[in-house]
Amino acid sequence: MKVQHFQALVIGALCLGAAVLAAETYNHHQQLTELQAAARDTPADPAPALRRDIDVLSNTLATLQPQVAALGEAQGQSASAQAGLSQQLAELSASLKVLQATPRGPSNADLTRLEQRLAAVETAIEKLSTPAAVPAAATTRPAASAVQKTKAKAPTPPFTLLGIETRGTVRFVAALPAGARSLSAVHLLQPGDSLNNWQLRAIREDQAVFHVPDHGDRTLPLP
């Protein structure tokens, strides 16, 4: 009876020890499982990846530095070229203003009018060049009187006035030098201009005032 009781105690103790050992084993297994899960969730060491990124960035920077230097040089050249173009543009603008302020040359209509006036002047010159009959009474006048009248008479203009031409607000006197027959010989005179030593002083409604050396001012009618 005692032996059976002792065996039951031993078996009970063994069962209790096995239960405790099983519980401890289960707890250790649970802790191990938790540690493995935590290890899986823990991020990897970023140091190698960072080193790789730093190496890539260093290589990229070394490649970009020459390009940045080239871009800086190109920008400097572009700035110099832009400054040169700006100066040329300013010079062209100034030249354009000068050209716009300069009176334009005669138009086709002006040339047509000049041709008509030139034809009329040529007709008048031909009429004037025809010698007129000298009256008999004039031949009996003393030669001295004729010489005095010649000296007192003002010199004949060395040109023929064709009229007034207007360019915008500027007025010109068109004059054809004596003996000329081409429109290319026509002169457009402003006050202050001279033609064959006759200086234009003023342009009036239908007259032109010239200064003649040694004879003062001379007023000529305009056609």
Protein backbone atom coordinates (compact mmCIF):
# COMPACT_ATOMS: atom_id res chain seq x y z
CA MET A 1 0.00 0.00 0.00
CA LYS A 2 2.78 2.38 0.86
CA VAL A 3 4.64 1.38 -2.26
CA GLN A 4 1.64 2.17 -4.40
CA HIS A 5 1.17 5.45 -2.66
CA PHE A 6 4.84 6.35 -3.22
CA GLN A 7 4.61 5.39 -6.86
CA ALA A 8 1.53 7.59 -7.24
CA LEU A 9 3.39 10.47 -5.67
CA VAL A 10 6.35 9.91 -7.95
CA ILE A 11 4.15 9.69 -11.00
CA GLY A 12 2.30 12.80 -9.90
CA ALA A 13 5.54 14.64 -9.38
CA LEU A 14 6.77 13.51 -12.78
CA CYS A 15 3.53 14.63 -14.40
CA LEU A 16 3.72 17.98 -12.63
CA GLY A 17 7.33 18.38 -13.70
CA ALA A 18 6.45 17.46 -17.26
CA ALA A 19 3.59 19.98 -17.18
CA VAL A 20 5.89 22.71 -15.86
CA LEU A 21 8.55 21.80 -18.43
CA ALA A 22 5.94 21.86 -21.17
CA ALA A 23 4.74 25.26 -20.01
CA GLU A 24 8.30 26.63 -19.94
CA THR A 25 8.97 25.16 -23.37
CA TYR A 26 5.82 26.76 -24.73
CA ASN A 27 6.77 30.13 -23.20
CA HIS A 28 10.26 29.90 -24.73
CA HIS A 29 8.76 28.96 -28.06
CA GLN A 30 6.43 31.94 -27.88
CA GLN A 31 9.30 34.30 -27.02
CA LEU A 32 11.36 32.87 -29.87
CA THR A 33 8.45 33.37 -32.26
CA GLU A 34 8.04 36.97 -31.08
CA LEU A 35 11.76 37.64 -31.48
CA GLN A 36 11.75 36.21 -34.99
CA ALA A 37 8.74 38.36 -35.90
CA ALA A 38 10.42 41.42 -34.41
CA ALA A 39 13.59 40.62 -36.34
CA ARG A 40 11.62 40.38 -39.55
CA ASP A 41 9.90 43.73 -38.86
CA THR A 42 13.13 45.52 -37.96
CA PRO A 43 14.39 47.58 -40.98
CA ALA A 44 17.66 46.59 -42.53
CA ASP A 45 20.81 48.50 -41.81
CA PRO A 46 20.57 51.65 -44.02
CA ALA A 47 24.30 52.30 -43.99
CA PRO A 48 25.21 50.27 -47.12
CA ALA A 49 22.36 51.79 -49.14
CA LEU A 50 23.30 55.28 -48.01
CA ARG A 51 26.90 54.67 -48.98
CA ARG A 52 25.79 53.51 -52.41
CA ASP A 53 23.58 56.62 -52.83
CA ILE A 54 26.44 58.88 -51.72
CA ASP A 55 28.77 57.25 -54.25
CA VAL A 56 26.19 57.72 -57.03
CA LEU A 57 25.67 61.36 -56.05
CA SER A 58 29.42 61.96 -55.97
CA ASN A 59 29.81 60.51 -59.45
CA THR A 60 26.87 62.57 -60.72
CA LEU A 61 28.32 65.74 -59.18
CA ALA A 62 31.71 65.07 -60.75
CA THR A 63 29.98 64.65 -64.13
CA LEU A 64 27.85 67.78 -63.73
CA GLN A 65 30.66 70.16 -62.69
CA PRO A 66 32.18 70.44 -66.21
CA GLN A 67 28.70 70.89 -67.64
CA VAL A 68 27.95 73.67 -65.14
CA ALA A 69 31.24 75.37 -66.06
CA ALA A 70 30.40 75.07 -69.77
CA LEU A 71 26.93 76.49 -69.15
CA GLY A 72 28.43 79.42 -67.25
CA GLU A 73 30.81 80.17 -70.11
CA ALA A 74 27.99 79.86 -72.65
CA GLN A 75 25.85 82.22 -70.57
CA GLY A 76 28.69 84.77 -70.52
CA GLN A 77 29.05 84.54 -74.30
CA SER A 78 25.28 84.87 -74.70
CA ALA A 79 25.28 87.99 -72.50
CA SER A 80 28.09 89.53 -74.59
CA ALA A 81 26.27 88.70 -77.83
CA GLN A 82 23.04 90.14 -76.45
CA ALA A 83 24.84 93.35 -75.49
CA GLY A 84 26.29 93.61 -79.01
CA LEU A 85 22.88 93.01 -80.57
CA SER A 86 21.31 95.62 -78.29
CA GLN A 87 23.93 98.17 -79.39
CA GLN A 88 23.34 97.33 -83.07
CA LEU A 89 19.58 97.63 -82.53
CA ALA A 90 20.04 101.06 -80.94
CA GLU A 91 22.22 102.18 -83.87
CA LEU A 92 19.66 100.88 -86.39
CA SER A 93 16.84 102.67 -84.52
CA ALA A 94 18.81 105.93 -84.61
CA SER A 95 19.51 105.47 -88.33
CA LEU A 96 15.83 104.75 -88.97
CA LYS A 97 14.82 107.94 -87.15
CA VAL A 98 17.29 109.93 -89.25
CA LEU A 99 15.95 108.36 -92.45
CA GLN A 100 12.36 109.05 -91.39
CA ALA A 101 13.23 112.69 -90.67
CA THR A 102 14.99 113.09 -94.03
CA PRO A 103 12.66 114.41 -96.78
CA ARG A 104 11.87 111.79 -99.37
CA GLY A 105 12.95 112.16 -102.97
CA PRO A 106 10.60 113.32 -105.71
CA SER A 107 7.74 110.97 -106.59
CA ASN A 108 6.62 109.98 -110.09
CA ALA A 109 3.91 112.64 -109.97
CA ASP A 110 6.50 115.26 -109.02
CA LEU A 111 8.72 114.16 -111.90
CA THR A 112 5.76 114.35 -114.30
CA ARG A 113 5.00 117.90 -113.17
CA LEU A 114 8.66 118.81 -113.54
CA GLU A 115 8.68 117.37 -117.07
CA GLN A 116 5.64 119.46 -117.97
CA ARG A 117 7.21 122.58 -116.51
CA LEU A 118 10.50 121.78 -118.23
CA ALA A 119 8.70 121.47 -121.58
CA ALA A 120 7.04 124.83 -120.96
CA VAL A 121 10.38 126.36 -120.01
CA GLU A 122 12.07 124.91 -123.10
CA THR A 123 9.34 126.45 -125.24
CA ALA A 124 9.84 129.79 -123.52
CA ILE A 125 13.62 129.52 -123.94
CA GLU A 126 13.23 128.81 -127.63
CA LYS A 127 11.02 131.86 -127.98
CA LEU A 128 13.51 133.98 -126.08
CA SER A 129 16.42 132.67 -128.12
CA THR A 130 14.79 133.84 -131.35
CA PRO A 131 16.42 137.22 -132.22
CA ALA A 132 13.92 140.02 -132.28
CA ALA A 133 13.92 142.69 -134.94
CA VAL A 134 15.72 145.80 -133.79
CA PRO A 135 13.76 148.98 -134.51
CA ALA A 136 15.46 151.44 -136.80
CA ALA A 137 15.13 154.18 -134.23
CA ALA A 138 17.11 152.11 -131.72
CA THR A 139 20.08 151.93 -134.09
CA THR A 140 20.35 155.70 -134.08
CA ARG A 141 20.80 155.92 -130.30
CA PRO A 142 24.27 156.75 -129.09
CA ALA A 143 26.47 153.78 -128.21
CA ALA A 144 27.37 155.32 -124.86
CA SER A 145 23.72 155.32 -123.73
CA ALA A 146 23.39 151.60 -124.60
CA VAL A 147 26.53 150.82 -122.60
CA GLN A 148 25.22 152.67 -119.54
CA LYS A 149 21.91 150.78 -119.67
CA THR A 150 23.79 147.48 -119.91
CA LYS A 151 25.85 148.34 -116.86
CA ALA A 152 22.80 149.39 -114.84
CA LYS A 153 20.81 146.28 -115.75
CA ALA A 154 20.91 143.40 -113.20
CA PRO A 155 22.55 140.16 -114.39
CA THR A 156 20.35 137.50 -115.95
CA PRO A 157 19.68 134.51 -113.65
CA PRO A 158 21.93 131.58 -114.58
CA PHE A 159 18.99 129.21 -114.25
CA THR A 160 15.26 128.88 -114.90
CA LEU A 161 12.80 128.53 -112.04
CA LEU A 162 10.33 125.66 -112.50
CA GLY A 163 8.19 126.21 -109.40
CA ILE A 164 7.83 125.17 -105.77
CA GLU A 165 8.03 121.54 -104.63
CA THR A 166 6.86 120.37 -101.20
CA ARG A 167 8.19 117.40 -99.24
CA GLY A 168 6.06 117.04 -96.14
CA THR A 169 6.41 120.44 -94.48
CA VAL A 170 9.60 121.41 -96.33
CA ARG A 171 9.36 123.64 -99.40
CA PHE A 172 11.89 123.67 -102.23
CA VAL A 173 12.42 125.84 -105.29
CA ALA A 174 13.02 123.74 -108.42
CA ALA A 175 15.67 125.38 -110.64
CA LEU A 176 17.13 124.22 -113.95
CA PRO A 177 20.65 125.55 -114.72
CA ALA A 178 20.98 127.51 -117.94
CA GLY A 179 21.72 125.30 -120.93
CA ALA A 180 20.54 122.10 -119.21
CA ARG A 181 17.85 119.97 -120.86
CA SER A 182 17.65 116.91 -118.56
CA LEU A 183 15.54 116.43 -115.46
CA SER A 184 18.58 115.02 -113.71
CA ALA A 185 20.03 118.55 -113.75
CA VAL A 186 17.11 120.03 -111.78
CA HIS A 187 18.15 121.40 -108.36
CA LEU A 188 15.81 121.56 -105.36
CA LEU A 189 16.87 124.61 -103.34
CA GLN A 190 16.06 125.58 -99.77
CA PRO A 191 16.76 128.98 -98.22
CA GLY A 192 20.52 129.13 -97.75
CA ASP A 193 21.34 126.97 -100.80
CA SER A 194 23.26 128.43 -103.74
CA LEU A 195 23.23 127.74 -107.47
CA ASN A 196 25.82 129.41 -109.71
CA ASN A 197 26.62 131.94 -106.94
CA TRP A 198 22.95 132.91 -106.57
CA GLN A 199 21.91 132.22 -102.98
CA LEU A 200 18.25 131.57 -102.17
CA ARG A 201 17.16 133.87 -99.35
CA ALA A 202 13.40 133.27 -99.06
CA ILE A 203 10.48 131.42 -100.68
CA ARG A 204 7.25 133.39 -100.93
CA GLU A 205 3.80 132.66 -102.33
CA ASP A 206 4.77 133.13 -105.98
CA GLN A 207 8.27 134.59 -105.71
CA ALA A 208 11.77 133.55 -104.79
CA VAL A 209 14.31 135.98 -103.34
CA PHE A 210 17.96 135.44 -104.28
CA HIS A 211 21.08 137.27 -103.17
CA VAL A 212 23.34 138.15 -106.10
CA PRO A 213 26.98 139.01 -105.30
CA ASP A 214 27.72 142.69 -105.91
CA HIS A 215 24.04 143.31 -106.87
CA GLY A 216 22.12 142.70 -103.62
CA ASP A 217 18.83 140.80 -103.46
CA ARG A 218 16.87 139.87 -106.56
CA THR A 219 13.22 138.80 -106.53
CA LEU A 220 12.21 136.34 -109.29
CA PRO A 221 8.66 135.26 -110.12
CA LEU A 222 7.73 131.60 -109.82
CA PRO A 223 5.66 129.89 -112.54
